[in-house]
C-alpha atoms as a PDB file:
ATOM      1  CA  MET A   1       0.415  14.906 -96.802  1.00  0.00           C
ATOM      2  CA  ALA A   2       2.198  12.637 -99.262  1.00  0.00           C
ATOM      3  CA  HIS A   3       1.092   9.034 -99.463  1.00  0.00           C
ATOM      4  CA  ALA A   4       3.048   5.843 -99.876  1.00  0.00           C
ATOM      5  CA  PRO A   5       3.039   4.432-103.386  1.00  0.00           C
ATOM      6  CA  GLY A   6      -0.215   2.568-103.899  1.00  0.00           C
ATOM      7  CA  ASP A   7      -1.856   4.120-100.817  1.00  0.00           C
ATOM      8  CA  ASP A   8      -5.408   5.210-101.411  1.00  0.00           C
ATOM      9  CA  GLY A   9      -5.064   8.011 -98.881  1.00  0.00           C
ATOM     10  CA  THR A  10      -7.682   6.631 -96.487  1.00  0.00           C
ATOM     11  CA  GLY A  11      -5.306   6.590 -93.552  1.00  0.00           C
ATOM     12  CA  GLY A  12      -2.259   4.841 -92.244  1.00  0.00           C
ATOM     13  CA  SER A  13       0.006   6.008 -95.053  1.00  0.00           C
ATOM     14  CA  ARG A  14       2.639   7.318 -92.653  1.00  0.00           C
ATOM     15  CA  ALA A  15       4.165   5.855 -89.559  1.00  0.00           C
ATOM     16  CA  GLY A  16       6.417   7.608 -87.103  1.00  0.00           C
ATOM     17  CA  SER A  17      10.042   6.495 -86.992  1.00  0.00           C
ATOM     18  CA  SER A  18      12.621   6.563 -84.259  1.00  0.00           C
ATOM     19  CA  ALA A  19      14.277   9.528 -85.988  1.00  0.00           C
ATOM     20  CA  GLY A  20      11.062  11.544 -85.592  1.00  0.00           C
ATOM     21  CA  ALA A  21      10.528  12.016 -89.337  1.00  0.00           C
ATOM     22  CA  PRO A  22       7.547  10.396 -91.021  1.00  0.00           C
ATOM     23  CA  GLN A  23       8.260   7.180 -92.871  1.00  0.00           C
ATOM     24  CA  ALA A  24       6.293   5.833 -95.807  1.00  0.00           C
ATOM     25  CA  ALA A  25       4.489   2.546 -95.334  1.00  0.00           C
ATOM     26  CA  PRO A  26       5.440  -0.484 -97.447  1.00  0.00           C
ATOM     27  CA  ALA A  27       3.309  -1.111-100.523  1.00  0.00           C
ATOM     28  CA  THR A  28       2.919  -4.310-102.560  1.00  0.00           C
ATOM     29  CA  TYR A  29       2.105  -4.458-106.275  1.00  0.00           C
ATOM     30  CA  PRO A  30       1.081  -7.431-108.411  1.00  0.00           C
ATOM     31  CA  VAL A  31       3.245  -8.382-111.381  1.00  0.00           C
ATOM     32  CA  ARG A  32       0.938 -10.323-113.698  1.00  0.00           C
ATOM     33  CA  THR A  33       0.627  -8.159-116.844  1.00  0.00           C
ATOM     34  CA  ASP A  34       2.696  -5.782-118.965  1.00  0.00           C
ATOM     35  CA  GLU A  35       0.697  -2.932-117.431  1.00  0.00           C
ATOM     36  CA  ASP A  36       1.735  -4.105-113.944  1.00  0.00           C
ATOM     37  CA  LEU A  37       5.377  -3.682-114.966  1.00  0.00           C
ATOM     38  CA  ILE A  38       4.686  -0.045-115.848  1.00  0.00           C
ATOM     39  CA  THR A  39       2.840   0.500-112.553  1.00  0.00           C
ATOM     40  CA  VAL A  40       5.795  -0.945-110.614  1.00  0.00           C
ATOM     41  CA  ARG A  41       8.270   1.335-112.407  1.00  0.00           C
ATOM     42  CA  HIS A  42       6.160   4.416-111.605  1.00  0.00           C
ATOM     43  CA  ALA A  43       5.726   3.368-107.964  1.00  0.00           C
ATOM     44  CA  VAL A  44       9.449   2.726-107.546  1.00  0.00           C
ATOM     45  CA  ARG A  45      10.288   6.084-109.131  1.00  0.00           C
ATOM     46  CA  ALA A  46       7.897   7.798-106.680  1.00  0.00           C
ATOM     47  CA  ALA A  47       9.512   5.916-103.775  1.00  0.00           C
ATOM     48  CA  THR A  48      13.000   7.047-104.770  1.00  0.00           C
ATOM     49  CA  VAL A  49      11.817  10.656-104.958  1.00  0.00           C
ATOM     50  CA  GLU A  50      10.172  10.358-101.537  1.00  0.00           C
ATOM     51  CA  VAL A  51      13.389   9.057 -99.993  1.00  0.00           C
ATOM     52  CA  GLY A  52      15.399  11.873-101.587  1.00  0.00           C
ATOM     53  CA  PHE A  53      17.534  10.115-104.182  1.00  0.00           C
ATOM     54  CA  GLY A  54      19.064  12.183-106.968  1.00  0.00           C
ATOM     55  CA  LEU A  55      18.307  11.407-110.603  1.00  0.00           C
ATOM     56  CA  VAL A  56      21.197   8.951-111.051  1.00  0.00           C
ATOM     57  CA  ASP A  57      20.219   6.851-108.032  1.00  0.00           C
ATOM     58  CA  GLN A  58      16.535   7.054-109.010  1.00  0.00           C
ATOM     59  CA  THR A  59      17.483   5.598-112.390  1.00  0.00           C
ATOM     60  CA  ARG A  60      19.574   2.848-110.784  1.00  0.00           C
ATOM     61  CA  VAL A  61      16.727   1.713-108.545  1.00  0.00           C
ATOM     62  CA  VAL A  62      14.064   1.919-111.270  1.00  0.00           C
ATOM     63  CA  THR A  63      16.299  -0.036-113.661  1.00  0.00           C
ATOM     64  CA  ALA A  64      16.898  -2.769-111.077  1.00  0.00           C
ATOM     65  CA  ALA A  65      13.157  -2.884-110.311  1.00  0.00           C
ATOM     66  CA  SER A  66      12.326  -3.191-114.008  1.00  0.00           C
ATOM     67  CA  GLU A  67      14.761  -6.068-114.498  1.00  0.00           C
ATOM     68  CA  LEU A  68      13.627  -7.975-111.415  1.00  0.00           C
ATOM     69  CA  ALA A  69       9.892  -7.446-111.978  1.00  0.00           C
ATOM     70  CA  ARG A  70      10.243  -8.490-115.605  1.00  0.00           C
ATOM     71  CA  ASN A  71      12.068 -11.680-114.534  1.00  0.00           C
ATOM     72  CA  ALA A  72       9.280 -12.485-112.048  1.00  0.00           C
ATOM     73  CA  TYR A  73       6.690 -11.922-114.781  1.00  0.00           C
ATOM     74  CA  ILE A  74       8.447 -13.778-117.609  1.00  0.00           C
ATOM     75  CA  HIS A  75      10.307 -16.565-115.798  1.00  0.00           C
ATOM     76  CA  GLY A  76       8.326 -16.857-112.570  1.00  0.00           C
ATOM     77  CA  GLY A  77       4.842 -16.682-114.068  1.00  0.00           C
ATOM     78  CA  GLY A  78       4.063 -13.489-112.156  1.00  0.00           C
ATOM     79  CA  GLY A  79       4.422 -12.431-108.581  1.00  0.00           C
ATOM     80  CA  THR A  80       4.661  -9.304-106.450  1.00  0.00           C
ATOM     81  CA  VAL A  81       6.964  -6.367-105.797  1.00  0.00           C
ATOM     82  CA  THR A  82       6.960  -4.864-102.310  1.00  0.00           C
ATOM     83  CA  ILE A  83       8.529  -1.447-101.780  1.00  0.00           C
ATOM     84  CA  GLU A  84       9.892  -0.824 -98.282  1.00  0.00           C
ATOM     85  CA  PHE A  85      11.601   2.176 -96.697  1.00  0.00           C
ATOM     86  CA  PRO A  86      14.332   0.984 -94.306  1.00  0.00           C
ATOM     87  CA  ARG A  87      16.479   3.279 -92.156  1.00  0.00           C
ATOM     88  CA  SER A  88      19.928   2.531 -90.818  1.00  0.00           C
ATOM     89  CA  ALA A  89      22.734   4.627 -89.311  1.00  0.00           C
ATOM     90  CA  GLY A  90      21.124   7.912 -90.310  1.00  0.00           C
ATOM     91  CA  ARG A  91      20.467   6.762 -93.863  1.00  0.00           C
ATOM     92  CA  ARG A  92      17.198   6.177 -95.655  1.00  0.00           C
ATOM     93  CA  GLY A  93      16.740   3.542 -98.285  1.00  0.00           C
ATOM     94  CA  VAL A  94      14.446   1.863-100.742  1.00  0.00           C
ATOM     95  CA  ARG A  95      14.167  -1.914-100.507  1.00  0.00           C
ATOM     96  CA  LEU A  96      12.446  -3.952-103.199  1.00  0.00           C
ATOM     97  CA  VAL A  97      11.282  -7.472-102.405  1.00  0.00           C
ATOM     98  CA  VAL A  98      10.362  -9.317-105.590  1.00  0.00           C
ATOM     99  CA  ARG A  99       8.594 -12.667-105.168  1.00  0.00           C
ATOM    100  CA  ASP A 100       7.327 -15.267-107.580  1.00  0.00           C
ATOM    101  CA  GLU A 101       6.075 -18.829-107.280  1.00  0.00           C
ATOM    102  CA  GLY A 102       7.719 -20.057-110.457  1.00  0.00           C
ATOM    103  CA  PRO A 103      10.167 -22.882-111.068  1.00  0.00           C
ATOM    104  CA  GLY A 104      13.022 -21.267-109.136  1.00  0.00           C
ATOM    105  CA  ILE A 105      16.490 -20.601-110.532  1.00  0.00           C
ATOM    106  CA  PRO A 106      18.208 -23.936-111.174  1.00  0.00           C
ATOM    107  CA  ASP A 107      21.757 -22.509-111.322  1.00  0.00           C
ATOM    108  CA  LEU A 108      21.892 -19.225-109.420  1.00  0.00           C
ATOM    109  CA  GLU A 109      25.637 -18.796-109.877  1.00  0.00           C
ATOM    110  CA  ALA A 110      25.269 -19.018-113.676  1.00  0.00           C
ATOM    111  CA  ALA A 111      22.220 -16.731-113.641  1.00  0.00           C
ATOM    112  CA  LEU A 112      24.269 -13.972-111.974  1.00  0.00           C
ATOM    113  CA  VAL A 113      26.907 -13.986-114.739  1.00  0.00           C
ATOM    114  CA  ASP A 114      26.515 -11.345-117.437  1.00  0.00           C
ATOM    115  CA  GLY A 115      25.424 -12.874-120.711  1.00  0.00           C
ATOM    116  CA  PHE A 116      23.404 -15.675-119.091  1.00  0.00           C
ATOM    117  CA  THR A 117      19.939 -15.802-120.551  1.00  0.00           C
ATOM    118  CA  THR A 118      17.128 -18.307-120.801  1.00  0.00           C
ATOM    119  CA  GLY A 119      15.331 -16.323-123.464  1.00  0.00           C
ATOM    120  CA  ALA A 120      15.726 -13.448-125.887  1.00  0.00           C
ATOM    121  CA  GLY A 121      17.138 -10.993-123.321  1.00  0.00           C
ATOM    122  CA  LEU A 122      20.665  -9.627-123.135  1.00  0.00           C
ATOM    123  CA  GLY A 123      21.433 -11.540-119.953  1.00  0.00           C
ATOM    124  CA  HIS A 124      22.133  -8.526-117.728  1.00  0.00           C
ATOM    125  CA  GLY A 125      19.070  -8.868-115.473  1.00  0.00           C
ATOM    126  CA  LEU A 126      20.206 -10.392-112.170  1.00  0.00           C
ATOM    127  CA  GLY A 127      23.862  -9.403-112.416  1.00  0.00           C
ATOM    128  CA  GLY A 128      22.927  -5.901-113.511  1.00  0.00           C
ATOM    129  CA  ALA A 129      20.418  -5.495-110.681  1.00  0.00           C
ATOM    130  CA  ARG A 130      23.049  -6.684-108.211  1.00  0.00           C
ATOM    131  CA  ARG A 131      25.522  -4.034-109.432  1.00  0.00           C
ATOM    132  CA  LEU A 132      22.935  -1.233-109.295  1.00  0.00           C
ATOM    133  CA  MET A 133      21.985  -1.782-105.658  1.00  0.00           C
ATOM    134  CA  HIS A 134      23.929  -1.710-102.392  1.00  0.00           C
ATOM    135  CA  GLU A 135      22.428  -4.942-101.043  1.00  0.00           C
ATOM    136  CA  PHE A 136      21.287  -7.977-103.024  1.00  0.00           C
ATOM    137  CA  GLU A 137      19.919 -11.235-101.643  1.00  0.00           C
ATOM    138  CA  VAL A 138      18.330 -14.188-103.447  1.00  0.00           C
ATOM    139  CA  HIS A 139      16.359 -17.090-102.024  1.00  0.00           C
ATOM    140  CA  THR A 140      15.339 -19.644-104.626  1.00  0.00           C
ATOM    141  CA  GLU A 141      14.185 -23.227-104.477  1.00  0.00           C
ATOM    142  CA  PRO A 142      13.412 -25.445-107.470  1.00  0.00           C
ATOM    143  CA  GLY A 143       9.662 -25.738-107.912  1.00  0.00           C
ATOM    144  CA  ARG A 144       8.930 -23.264-105.092  1.00  0.00           C
ATOM    145  CA  GLY A 145       9.805 -19.876-106.542  1.00  0.00           C
ATOM    146  CA  THR A 146      12.258 -17.083-105.953  1.00  0.00           C
ATOM    147  CA  THR A 147      12.443 -14.094-103.631  1.00  0.00           C
ATOM    148  CA  ILE A 148      14.960 -11.348-104.358  1.00  0.00           C
ATOM    149  CA  SER A 149      15.539  -8.490-101.935  1.00  0.00           C
ATOM    150  CA  VAL A 150      17.568  -5.453-103.033  1.00  0.00           C
ATOM    151  CA  THR A 151      18.275  -2.203-101.214  1.00  0.00           C
ATOM    152  CA  ARG A 152      19.819   1.118-102.180  1.00  0.00           C
ATOM    153  CA  TRP A 153      20.775   3.638 -99.493  1.00  0.00           C
ATOM    154  CA  THR A 154      21.086   7.406 -99.452  1.00  0.00           C
ATOM    155  CA  ALA A 155      24.466   8.877 -98.547  1.00  0.00           C
ATOM    156  CA  GLN A 156      24.879   9.756 -94.862  1.00  0.00           C
END
């Protein structure tokens, strides 16, 4: 039996779904070190394979995860990435929920524009992640951190 990313295999790695097919359980990963960023990328890649994405969509999701996790690490002082496996209208998906407790994003509209950067990056992080995924939602509050939820769906 396959296990959800990060599952130690001691039980509870699968839950039945209304469609009758097994569904992977959500898994949460810390984002506090460079090594954590690598772990997140590997876990997200495994999740996309489990859901059945082709190579192009796998790359889209892993790229978005890399950008968002790196932002949480660099700008948010660290945080977590949770990988979820939603289902809707006969489709399967991968949802990433990236949380940090950093300073928040002071100007979200500006941060979503390509070329915006607060550091040495190219400024494609948030806007690029938004374009790579089907759903993109940001909750940010100055001094209280940021939560970004993104989802990519399989074709029906």
